[in-house]
């Protein structure tokens, strides 16, 4: 089983500082923050969070997310690595490889 890496955390923290974020970057940041918010641990580092949980975070994820304009195209932006599923009251993202998604967002020029 693969886990979310500290390198991914570093790239996410860099993307959070961008003034003009792409949709893909916004999605990655929202998913990452949601992971911490679900345990009321927002603002902690990944290492601190793993210590709190007692285990590393799984790289393969399914996360509820709020609707963002243009998010239906995320599957094409990520070469099927992430897929948005949404209805009027349920929205979530299936992510095959979160570390890859972070790299894709960090390097995305769109």
C-alpha atoms as a PDB file:
ATOM      1  CA  UNK A   1       0.000   0.000   0.000  1.00  0.00           C
ATOM      2  CA  UNK A   2       1.288   3.445  -0.911  1.00  0.00           C
ATOM      3  CA  UNK A   3       1.033   6.412   1.435  1.00  0.00           C
ATOM      4  CA  UNK A   4       0.893  10.190   1.038  1.00  0.00           C
ATOM      5  CA  UNK A   5       4.480  11.440   1.062  1.00  0.00           C
ATOM      6  CA  UNK A   6       6.140  14.401   2.725  1.00  0.00           C
ATOM      7  CA  UNK A   7       7.244  15.566  -0.749  1.00  0.00           C
ATOM      8  CA  UNK A   8       3.556  15.861  -1.684  1.00  0.00           C
ATOM      9  CA  UNK A   9       2.917  17.878   1.460  1.00  0.00           C
ATOM     10  CA  UNK A  10       5.754  20.245   0.505  1.00  0.00           C
ATOM     11  CA  UNK A  11       4.337  20.750  -3.018  1.00  0.00           C
ATOM     12  CA  UNK A  12       0.848  21.399  -1.586  1.00  0.00           C
ATOM     13  CA  UNK A  13       2.189  23.990   0.844  1.00  0.00           C
ATOM     14  CA  UNK A  14       3.946  25.701  -2.073  1.00  0.00           C
ATOM     15  CA  UNK A  15       0.729  25.700  -4.142  1.00  0.00           C
ATOM     16  CA  UNK A  16      -1.209  27.231  -1.232  1.00  0.00           C
ATOM     17  CA  UNK A  17       0.996  30.325  -1.583  1.00  0.00           C
ATOM     18  CA  UNK A  18       0.128  30.866  -5.272  1.00  0.00           C
ATOM     19  CA  UNK A  19      -2.049  33.890  -5.994  1.00  0.00           C
ATOM     20  CA  UNK A  20      -3.636  32.447  -9.144  1.00  0.00           C
ATOM     21  CA  UNK A  21      -4.295  28.755  -8.627  1.00  0.00           C
ATOM     22  CA  UNK A  22      -5.518  26.447 -11.374  1.00  0.00           C
ATOM     23  CA  UNK A  23      -8.625  24.341 -10.842  1.00  0.00           C
ATOM     24  CA  UNK A  24      -6.479  21.248 -10.372  1.00  0.00           C
ATOM     25  CA  UNK A  25      -4.426  22.984  -7.692  1.00  0.00           C
ATOM     26  CA  UNK A  26      -7.617  24.115  -5.920  1.00  0.00           C
ATOM     27  CA  UNK A  27      -8.915  20.528  -5.953  1.00  0.00           C
ATOM     28  CA  UNK A  28      -5.681  19.104  -4.523  1.00  0.00           C
ATOM     29  CA  UNK A  29      -5.596  21.713  -1.755  1.00  0.00           C
ATOM     30  CA  UNK A  30      -9.292  21.155  -0.948  1.00  0.00           C
ATOM     31  CA  UNK A  31      -8.839  17.377  -0.738  1.00  0.00           C
ATOM     32  CA  UNK A  32      -5.704  17.674   1.401  1.00  0.00           C
ATOM     33  CA  UNK A  33      -7.332  20.149   3.787  1.00  0.00           C
ATOM     34  CA  UNK A  34     -10.482  18.000   3.983  1.00  0.00           C
ATOM     35  CA  UNK A  35      -8.400  15.031   5.157  1.00  0.00           C
ATOM     36  CA  UNK A  36      -7.183  17.099   8.120  1.00  0.00           C
ATOM     37  CA  UNK A  37     -10.540  18.821   8.749  1.00  0.00           C
ATOM     38  CA  UNK A  38     -12.352  15.501   9.038  1.00  0.00           C
ATOM     39  CA  UNK A  39     -10.276  14.796  12.163  1.00  0.00           C
ATOM     40  CA  UNK A  40     -10.281  18.410  13.418  1.00  0.00           C
ATOM     41  CA  UNK A  41      -6.527  18.615  12.855  1.00  0.00           C
ATOM     42  CA  UNK A  42      -6.270  21.377  10.217  1.00  0.00           C
ATOM     43  CA  UNK A  43      -2.981  23.258  10.402  1.00  0.00           C
ATOM     44  CA  UNK A  44      -0.887  20.317  11.546  1.00  0.00           C
ATOM     45  CA  UNK A  45       1.953  18.894   9.508  1.00  0.00           C
ATOM     46  CA  UNK A  46       1.576  15.505   7.851  1.00  0.00           C
ATOM     47  CA  UNK A  47       4.057  14.005  10.324  1.00  0.00           C
ATOM     48  CA  UNK A  48       2.094  15.360  13.305  1.00  0.00           C
ATOM     49  CA  UNK A  49      -1.178  14.109  11.805  1.00  0.00           C
ATOM     50  CA  UNK A  50       0.214  10.618  11.202  1.00  0.00           C
ATOM     51  CA  UNK A  51       1.449  10.509  14.789  1.00  0.00           C
ATOM     52  CA  UNK A  52      -2.006  11.591  16.009  1.00  0.00           C
ATOM     53  CA  UNK A  53      -3.734   8.916  13.893  1.00  0.00           C
ATOM     54  CA  UNK A  54      -1.162   6.219  14.590  1.00  0.00           C
ATOM     55  CA  UNK A  55      -0.744   5.328  10.920  1.00  0.00           C
ATOM     56  CA  UNK A  56       0.204   6.785   7.551  1.00  0.00           C
ATOM     57  CA  UNK A  57      -2.439   8.118   5.154  1.00  0.00           C
ATOM     58  CA  UNK A  58      -3.474   5.950   2.232  1.00  0.00           C
ATOM     59  CA  UNK A  59      -2.548   7.299  -1.203  1.00  0.00           C
ATOM     60  CA  UNK A  60      -5.727   5.947  -2.832  1.00  0.00           C
ATOM     61  CA  UNK A  61      -8.636   8.159  -1.707  1.00  0.00           C
ATOM     62  CA  UNK A  62     -12.299   8.908  -2.043  1.00  0.00           C
ATOM     63  CA  UNK A  63     -13.122  12.318  -0.594  1.00  0.00           C
ATOM     64  CA  UNK A  64     -16.263  14.417  -0.398  1.00  0.00           C
ATOM     65  CA  UNK A  65     -15.668  17.794  -1.991  1.00  0.00           C
ATOM     66  CA  UNK A  66     -17.698  20.883  -2.715  1.00  0.00           C
ATOM     67  CA  UNK A  67     -18.600  21.650  -6.325  1.00  0.00           C
ATOM     68  CA  UNK A  68     -16.133  23.807  -8.256  1.00  0.00           C
ATOM     69  CA  UNK A  69     -16.803  25.292 -11.681  1.00  0.00           C
ATOM     70  CA  UNK A  70     -15.095  23.121 -14.315  1.00  0.00           C
ATOM     71  CA  UNK A  71     -14.414  20.165 -12.021  1.00  0.00           C
ATOM     72  CA  UNK A  72     -16.140  17.724 -14.388  1.00  0.00           C
ATOM     73  CA  UNK A  73     -13.034  17.917 -16.597  1.00  0.00           C
ATOM     74  CA  UNK A  74     -10.666  16.732 -13.879  1.00  0.00           C
ATOM     75  CA  UNK A  75     -10.661  13.211 -15.286  1.00  0.00           C
ATOM     76  CA  UNK A  76      -9.193  14.480 -18.550  1.00  0.00           C
ATOM     77  CA  UNK A  77      -6.729  16.848 -16.845  1.00  0.00           C
ATOM     78  CA  UNK A  78      -5.296  13.959 -14.810  1.00  0.00           C
ATOM     79  CA  UNK A  79      -5.334  11.155 -17.403  1.00  0.00           C
ATOM     80  CA  UNK A  80      -7.991   9.249 -15.394  1.00  0.00           C
ATOM     81  CA  UNK A  81      -6.091   9.563 -12.097  1.00  0.00           C
ATOM     82  CA  UNK A  82      -8.931  11.525 -10.463  1.00  0.00           C
ATOM     83  CA  UNK A  83     -12.642  11.452 -11.196  1.00  0.00           C
ATOM     84  CA  UNK A  84     -15.355  13.788  -9.934  1.00  0.00           C
ATOM     85  CA  UNK A  85     -18.782  12.343  -9.242  1.00  0.00           C
ATOM     86  CA  UNK A  86     -21.497  14.769  -8.289  1.00  0.00           C
ATOM     87  CA  UNK A  87     -25.226  15.187  -7.932  1.00  0.00           C
ATOM     88  CA  UNK A  88     -27.292  17.996  -6.478  1.00  0.00           C
ATOM     89  CA  UNK A  89     -26.507  16.894  -2.906  1.00  0.00           C
ATOM     90  CA  UNK A  90     -23.465  14.602  -3.125  1.00  0.00           C
ATOM     91  CA  UNK A  91     -20.068  15.409  -4.578  1.00  0.00           C
ATOM     92  CA  UNK A  92     -16.866  13.475  -4.228  1.00  0.00           C
ATOM     93  CA  UNK A  93     -13.563  12.773  -5.947  1.00  0.00           C
ATOM     94  CA  UNK A  94     -12.080   9.314  -6.481  1.00  0.00           C
ATOM     95  CA  UNK A  95      -8.280   9.499  -6.598  1.00  0.00           C
ATOM     96  CA  UNK A  96      -6.186   6.540  -7.717  1.00  0.00           C
ATOM     97  CA  UNK A  97      -2.814   8.051  -6.739  1.00  0.00           C
ATOM     98  CA  UNK A  98      -2.873  11.189  -4.595  1.00  0.00           C
ATOM     99  CA  UNK A  99       0.902  11.720  -4.846  1.00  0.00           C
ATOM    100  CA  UNK A 100       0.647  11.630  -8.647  1.00  0.00           C
ATOM    101  CA  UNK A 101      -2.299  14.045  -8.524  1.00  0.00           C
ATOM    102  CA  UNK A 102      -0.217  16.479  -6.453  1.00  0.00           C
ATOM    103  CA  UNK A 103       2.614  16.272  -9.010  1.00  0.00           C
ATOM    104  CA  UNK A 104       0.137  16.769 -11.854  1.00  0.00           C
ATOM    105  CA  UNK A 105      -1.326  19.848 -10.149  1.00  0.00           C
ATOM    106  CA  UNK A 106       2.090  21.243  -9.254  1.00  0.00           C
ATOM    107  CA  UNK A 107       3.294  20.939 -12.860  1.00  0.00           C
ATOM    108  CA  UNK A 108      -0.026  21.773 -14.576  1.00  0.00           C
ATOM    109  CA  UNK A 109       0.108  24.689 -16.985  1.00  0.00           C
ATOM    110  CA  UNK A 110      -3.532  25.338 -17.764  1.00  0.00           C
END
